[in-house]
Amino acid sequence: DIVLIGAGASAGSSSSNMYDLTPVMASYFDVHMVIPLFDHLREMKTYPKKTITTEKIRIVGKTNMVELVEEEYESFPDDAEFQAEFANRKADLEARKSQIYQMIDNEPEDVKTAVKFFADTSLLAELKSNSNLNVEYLSAHHGITTEVLEAYYKFSKFKYECGMYTDAEDMLGHYLSVTQTHTASHLGALWGRLACRIVQAKWTDSLEDFHAVKEAIEVRSIAPIDQLRQRAWLMHWGLFVYLNRGAEGIEKLADLFSEKQYLQTVENLCPWLLRYYSAAVILSPSRRRTRSALKDLLAEISAMSYQYSDPITLFLGSLFDQFDFDEAQAKLEQCEELVRNDFFLLFHAKQFMHEARMLICEMYCTIHRKVDLSMLAEKLKLSDEETERWMVDMVRGTSGGPTLDAKIDSAGKQVIIAAPARSAYKQIIEAARELTTRSAILSNNLENCATEQAVYIRNR
């Protein structure tokens, strides 16, 4: 667990820590993934530098990256407390570092056997073409037993903890090529290779492993509570994978969050992921064209408001549930601070603000038949010229959102919205619905009259 909550009250921190989710999300990330999150917090001055460094030393201490721990201590050369602590630990750190180097230079015999075998690419290709790349055959003909593979697998984990991500990724790839699918070790290796690729920013390869892990979680027989936890881990790791793949990745992230079993995971274990579900929908104009996506999201925001809310969820609620444009604009200003400090949304901050303002514009034009450009500009916090350009893009259908049927009166500085045209099909449906309602009312009235008449006759 990361102990950062409340640290921002001290000097040198930023008020943005009230929106920081690192303390609650860290337990769903691998330690190596948390390191760049800490570096981001330090760069943004979200918390005091010393607080972040203390926590980083604590979590990195769980890995084999001893040199990184030393570097963190050395980043505070003038801090007497830090240097005293470093002096007390230096001998232990040196001894541990020596032990780690010794293990790297002297691989166990089983690991050497496996390394030599997997280095023979021509043999591997031959075995694969003959469908003999399996544990049974390798154990009988090449000495690659289950024990050898287990030692090889554990050593890949050791190298990963040393920060040797490329070596660990290659080793896990070889291990996965031999082991059977739908086993616990195979799933563990898939998780491990996904972690290696994420920390190396190999987003295309990461996506491939992400889908493999997702499929393995659903196919393999896992206790429901473990399945729920693994889905939660996968959704958190997916923030790295999808939010680094541009517009397509953002849409895929929204699709993932909208899946029933993953939405249930958010509701039961990690309601804070509602932030990224909301942001993904806002950043995906094509999804907003299908109103069901926005409708489903708003239903979740409303249902989970007692568990979690932030400026992004409150912005959507103010705009689409309360139709309060002033409140929506106020929340949007808070959203700007949030996304500019959020590790995963920072890269999309400019696009997020554009799409959020577009939502305000679309909703305002939906409600009003005449729109004063100056008033709209004030609500969007834009100049009159910028607002007019926005409206032109909406009328032309080049804004990314729905096309607006309207005319722009530049002289009068207003937009005249055309009345929504109803298709013949919709008119028939509405007429039939109205006829059904009237028939039901008439039937009910006749039944009441008959009852009253019967009572009257009986009383006479």
Foldseek 3Di string as FASTA:
>chain_A
DQPDPPQQVDPQADPLLVLDPCVVCVVLDDLLVCVVVLVLCCVVRNGPNVSSLVRNLVSLVVFLQLVVNVVSLVVCVPDPVSVVVCVVCVVVSVVSNVVLVVCVVDPDPLLVLVVVVVVPVVVVVVCVVVVNLEQVNCVVPPVNHPVSLVSLLVVLVNCVSNVVLVVSLVSLVSSLSYYDALDPSNLVSLVSNLSSCLSVVVQVVNVVSLVVNVVSLVPHDDDPVVSLSVLSSSLSSLLSNQLVPPLVSLLVNLVSCPDPSNVVSCQPPNVVCLLSNLLSCLLQQVNVQVVVSVVVSLVSLVVCVVPDDALSSVLSCCCPVVVPLQVNLVSLVVVLSNQCSHPSNVVVSVSSLLSSLVSNVVSVVVVDQKFQLVVSCVSSVHDSVVSVVCLVCLCVVNSSHHRFQWDADVVRRMIGGDDDDDDPVRVVVVVVVVVVVVVVVVVVVVVVVVVVVVVVVVVD
